[in-house]
Amino acid sequence: MVKTLIVEDSIQFRHLLKEALHTRFPAMDIHEAQDGKEAMQVVKIFHPDLIFMDIRLPGETGLELTQKIKRDFPRANIIILTNYDLPEYREAASKSGANHFLSKGSSNRESILTLVESILSDRHTDNGDSKTRNL
């Protein structure tokens, strides 16, 4: 079973993403967090395999949080989500250790689910080694 964490301050976006993931991957265990503090608490207990990380969060940024998580849980596959598809954000996401970068504005439900399928497929063929793509 894949353990997934959605770190997003927009409750509406969190719920839509969770619903889409549950529909396509019914066995996926999904937790949610609305800010960095809550996310770190969940990560330490839950040890997620896949994390959807909003870049702008109350308090600490998603990039700062990504660095912390990757330091302690390097195998976690982190997808940065943002409304701001800027080259400097992509570069910062890569430097923070994120595996993927998605623009909320140009990504749709199907493209997100296809990315997750690709990640899950890679986990099975690579024995969990995370790779950086789409940055």
C-alpha atoms as a PDB file:
ATOM      1  CA  MET A   1       0.000   0.000   0.000  1.00  0.00           C
ATOM      2  CA  VAL A   2       1.293   3.434  -0.931  1.00  0.00           C
ATOM      3  CA  LYS A   3       1.190   6.036   1.822  1.00  0.00           C
ATOM      4  CA  THR A   4       0.502   9.537   0.520  1.00  0.00           C
ATOM      5  CA  LEU A   5       0.492  12.946   2.166  1.00  0.00           C
ATOM      6  CA  ILE A   6      -1.138  16.038   0.685  1.00  0.00           C
ATOM      7  CA  VAL A   7       0.342  19.252   2.122  1.00  0.00           C
ATOM      8  CA  GLU A   8      -1.871  22.105   0.934  1.00  0.00           C
ATOM      9  CA  ASP A   9      -3.449  25.069   2.690  1.00  0.00           C
ATOM     10  CA  SER A  10      -6.467  25.125   0.366  1.00  0.00           C
ATOM     11  CA  ILE A  11      -8.969  22.681   1.849  1.00  0.00           C
ATOM     12  CA  GLN A  12     -10.885  22.574  -1.431  1.00  0.00           C
ATOM     13  CA  PHE A  13      -7.800  21.613  -3.457  1.00  0.00           C
ATOM     14  CA  ARG A  14      -6.766  19.029  -0.817  1.00  0.00           C
ATOM     15  CA  HIS A  15     -10.165  17.376  -0.941  1.00  0.00           C
ATOM     16  CA  LEU A  16     -10.349  17.361  -4.753  1.00  0.00           C
ATOM     17  CA  LEU A  17      -6.883  15.824  -4.998  1.00  0.00           C
ATOM     18  CA  LYS A  18      -7.652  13.260  -2.297  1.00  0.00           C
ATOM     19  CA  GLU A  19     -10.897  12.284  -4.039  1.00  0.00           C
ATOM     20  CA  ALA A  20      -9.136  11.895  -7.390  1.00  0.00           C
ATOM     21  CA  LEU A  21      -6.392   9.758  -5.849  1.00  0.00           C
ATOM     22  CA  HIS A  22      -8.877   7.550  -3.974  1.00  0.00           C
ATOM     23  CA  THR A  23     -10.916   7.039  -7.130  1.00  0.00           C
ATOM     24  CA  ARG A  24      -7.900   5.872  -9.189  1.00  0.00           C
ATOM     25  CA  PHE A  25      -5.970   4.208  -6.341  1.00  0.00           C
ATOM     26  CA  PRO A  26      -8.551   2.909  -3.843  1.00  0.00           C
ATOM     27  CA  ALA A  27      -5.943   1.127  -1.688  1.00  0.00           C
ATOM     28  CA  MET A  28      -3.829   4.293  -1.273  1.00  0.00           C
ATOM     29  CA  ASP A  29      -3.580   5.472   2.334  1.00  0.00           C
ATOM     30  CA  ILE A  30      -3.907   9.278   2.189  1.00  0.00           C
ATOM     31  CA  HIS A  31      -3.299  11.806   4.940  1.00  0.00           C
ATOM     32  CA  GLU A  32      -3.606  15.585   4.768  1.00  0.00           C
ATOM     33  CA  ALA A  33      -1.823  18.565   6.316  1.00  0.00           C
ATOM     34  CA  GLN A  34      -2.598  22.252   5.960  1.00  0.00           C
ATOM     35  CA  ASP A  35       0.798  23.690   6.948  1.00  0.00           C
ATOM     36  CA  GLY A  36       4.427  22.771   7.525  1.00  0.00           C
ATOM     37  CA  LYS A  37       4.117  22.100  11.237  1.00  0.00           C
ATOM     38  CA  GLU A  38       1.256  19.661  10.762  1.00  0.00           C
ATOM     39  CA  ALA A  39       3.032  18.080   7.771  1.00  0.00           C
ATOM     40  CA  MET A  40       6.200  17.343   9.777  1.00  0.00           C
ATOM     41  CA  GLN A  41       4.143  15.716  12.524  1.00  0.00           C
ATOM     42  CA  VAL A  42       2.408  13.488   9.975  1.00  0.00           C
ATOM     43  CA  VAL A  43       5.672  12.654   8.161  1.00  0.00           C
ATOM     44  CA  LYS A  44       7.386  11.547  11.372  1.00  0.00           C
ATOM     45  CA  ILE A  45       4.532   9.185  12.276  1.00  0.00           C
ATOM     46  CA  PHE A  46       3.216   8.131   8.863  1.00  0.00           C
ATOM     47  CA  HIS A  47       6.451   7.936   6.749  1.00  0.00           C
ATOM     48  CA  PRO A  48       4.733   8.684   3.433  1.00  0.00           C
ATOM     49  CA  ASP A  49       6.039   7.291   0.155  1.00  0.00           C
ATOM     50  CA  LEU A  50       4.516  10.105  -1.904  1.00  0.00           C
ATOM     51  CA  ILE A  51       4.027  13.736  -0.882  1.00  0.00           C
ATOM     52  CA  PHE A  52       2.145  16.451  -2.745  1.00  0.00           C
ATOM     53  CA  MET A  53       3.662  19.708  -1.473  1.00  0.00           C
ATOM     54  CA  ASP A  54       2.251  23.169  -2.070  1.00  0.00           C
ATOM     55  CA  ILE A  55       5.080  25.641  -2.543  1.00  0.00           C
ATOM     56  CA  ARG A  56       3.372  28.411  -0.556  1.00  0.00           C
ATOM     57  CA  LEU A  57       2.230  27.401   2.898  1.00  0.00           C
ATOM     58  CA  PRO A  58       1.488  29.306   6.089  1.00  0.00           C
ATOM     59  CA  GLY A  59       4.712  29.629   8.060  1.00  0.00           C
ATOM     60  CA  GLU A  60       7.483  27.680   6.388  1.00  0.00           C
ATOM     61  CA  THR A  61       7.504  27.261   2.610  1.00  0.00           C
ATOM     62  CA  GLY A  62       7.009  23.991   0.821  1.00  0.00           C
ATOM     63  CA  LEU A  63      10.592  24.217  -0.425  1.00  0.00           C
ATOM     64  CA  GLU A  64      11.984  24.498   3.112  1.00  0.00           C
ATOM     65  CA  LEU A  65       9.782  21.633   4.204  1.00  0.00           C
ATOM     66  CA  THR A  66      10.905  19.532   1.234  1.00  0.00           C
ATOM     67  CA  GLN A  67      14.550  19.967   2.262  1.00  0.00           C
ATOM     68  CA  LYS A  68      13.794  18.847   5.818  1.00  0.00           C
ATOM     69  CA  ILE A  69      11.791  15.835   4.699  1.00  0.00           C
ATOM     70  CA  LYS A  70      14.383  14.752   2.126  1.00  0.00           C
ATOM     71  CA  ARG A  71      17.132  15.003   4.736  1.00  0.00           C
ATOM     72  CA  ASP A  72      15.325  12.562   7.050  1.00  0.00           C
ATOM     73  CA  PHE A  73      13.333  10.550   4.483  1.00  0.00           C
ATOM     74  CA  PRO A  74      15.339  10.597   1.224  1.00  0.00           C
ATOM     75  CA  ARG A  75      13.189   7.940  -0.436  1.00  0.00           C
ATOM     76  CA  ALA A  76      10.011  10.015  -0.160  1.00  0.00           C
ATOM     77  CA  ASN A  77       8.865  11.075  -3.604  1.00  0.00           C
ATOM     78  CA  ILE A  78       7.871  14.758  -3.433  1.00  0.00           C
ATOM     79  CA  ILE A  79       5.745  16.527  -6.019  1.00  0.00           C
ATOM     80  CA  ILE A  80       5.839  20.312  -5.716  1.00  0.00           C
ATOM     81  CA  LEU A  81       2.529  21.985  -6.572  1.00  0.00           C
ATOM     82  CA  THR A  82       2.244  25.664  -7.351  1.00  0.00           C
ATOM     83  CA  ASN A  83       0.141  28.260  -9.088  1.00  0.00           C
ATOM     84  CA  TYR A  84       3.382  29.946 -10.146  1.00  0.00           C
ATOM     85  CA  ASP A  85       5.025  28.068 -13.018  1.00  0.00           C
ATOM     86  CA  LEU A  86       8.219  30.108 -13.070  1.00  0.00           C
ATOM     87  CA  PRO A  87      11.724  28.889 -14.015  1.00  0.00           C
ATOM     88  CA  GLU A  88      13.127  30.109 -10.695  1.00  0.00           C
ATOM     89  CA  TYR A  89      10.519  28.061  -8.805  1.00  0.00           C
ATOM     90  CA  ARG A  90      11.386  24.962 -10.841  1.00  0.00           C
ATOM     91  CA  GLU A  91      15.067  25.474 -10.073  1.00  0.00           C
ATOM     92  CA  ALA A  92      14.389  26.046  -6.364  1.00  0.00           C
ATOM     93  CA  ALA A  93      12.209  22.913  -6.274  1.00  0.00           C
ATOM     94  CA  SER A  94      15.005  20.876  -7.822  1.00  0.00           C
ATOM     95  CA  LYS A  95      17.581  22.274  -5.381  1.00  0.00           C
ATOM     96  CA  SER A  96      15.295  21.509  -2.436  1.00  0.00           C
ATOM     97  CA  GLY A  97      15.229  17.843  -3.441  1.00  0.00           C
ATOM     98  CA  ALA A  98      11.764  17.652  -4.998  1.00  0.00           C
ATOM     99  CA  ASN A  99      11.285  14.856  -7.509  1.00  0.00           C
ATOM    100  CA  HIS A 100       8.595  16.521  -9.610  1.00  0.00           C
ATOM    101  CA  PHE A 101       7.096  19.964 -10.254  1.00  0.00           C
ATOM    102  CA  LEU A 102       3.487  20.550 -11.290  1.00  0.00           C
ATOM    103  CA  SER A 103       1.756  23.784 -12.104  1.00  0.00           C
ATOM    104  CA  LYS A 104      -1.785  23.778 -10.753  1.00  0.00           C
ATOM    105  CA  GLY A 105      -2.845  26.010 -13.637  1.00  0.00           C
ATOM    106  CA  SER A 106      -1.606  23.790 -16.443  1.00  0.00           C
ATOM    107  CA  SER A 107      -2.133  20.378 -14.816  1.00  0.00           C
ATOM    108  CA  ASN A 108      -5.446  18.613 -14.890  1.00  0.00           C
ATOM    109  CA  ARG A 109      -6.746  15.659 -12.930  1.00  0.00           C
ATOM    110  CA  GLU A 110      -5.674  13.139 -15.554  1.00  0.00           C
ATOM    111  CA  SER A 111      -2.117  14.494 -15.871  1.00  0.00           C
ATOM    112  CA  ILE A 112      -1.669  14.344 -12.091  1.00  0.00           C
ATOM    113  CA  LEU A 113      -2.990  10.779 -11.929  1.00  0.00           C
ATOM    114  CA  THR A 114      -0.780   9.751 -14.858  1.00  0.00           C
ATOM    115  CA  LEU A 115       2.250  11.145 -13.028  1.00  0.00           C
ATOM    116  CA  VAL A 116       1.307   9.161  -9.910  1.00  0.00           C
ATOM    117  CA  GLU A 117       0.938   5.997 -12.013  1.00  0.00           C
ATOM    118  CA  SER A 118       4.407   6.620 -13.450  1.00  0.00           C
ATOM    119  CA  ILE A 119       5.874   7.123  -9.967  1.00  0.00           C
ATOM    120  CA  LEU A 120       4.242   3.945  -8.697  1.00  0.00           C
ATOM    121  CA  SER A 121       5.489   2.032 -11.722  1.00  0.00           C
ATOM    122  CA  ASP A 122       9.020   3.343 -11.135  1.00  0.00           C
ATOM    123  CA  ARG A 123       8.819   2.285  -7.478  1.00  0.00           C
ATOM    124  CA  HIS A 124       8.159  -1.275  -8.540  1.00  0.00           C
ATOM    125  CA  THR A 125      10.870  -1.404 -11.202  1.00  0.00           C
ATOM    126  CA  ASP A 126      13.528   0.547  -9.265  1.00  0.00           C
ATOM    127  CA  ASN A 127      12.872  -0.895  -5.813  1.00  0.00           C
ATOM    128  CA  GLY A 128      11.845   2.510  -4.506  1.00  0.00           C
ATOM    129  CA  ASP A 129      14.777   4.569  -5.748  1.00  0.00           C
ATOM    130  CA  SER A 130      13.444   8.037  -6.384  1.00  0.00           C
ATOM    131  CA  LYS A 131      14.316   9.884  -9.565  1.00  0.00           C
ATOM    132  CA  THR A 132      13.999  13.518 -10.409  1.00  0.00           C
ATOM    133  CA  ARG A 133      11.702  14.181 -13.347  1.00  0.00           C
ATOM    134  CA  ASN A 134       9.608  16.993 -14.734  1.00  0.00           C
ATOM    135  CA  LEU A 135      11.734  19.700 -13.111  1.00  0.00           C
END
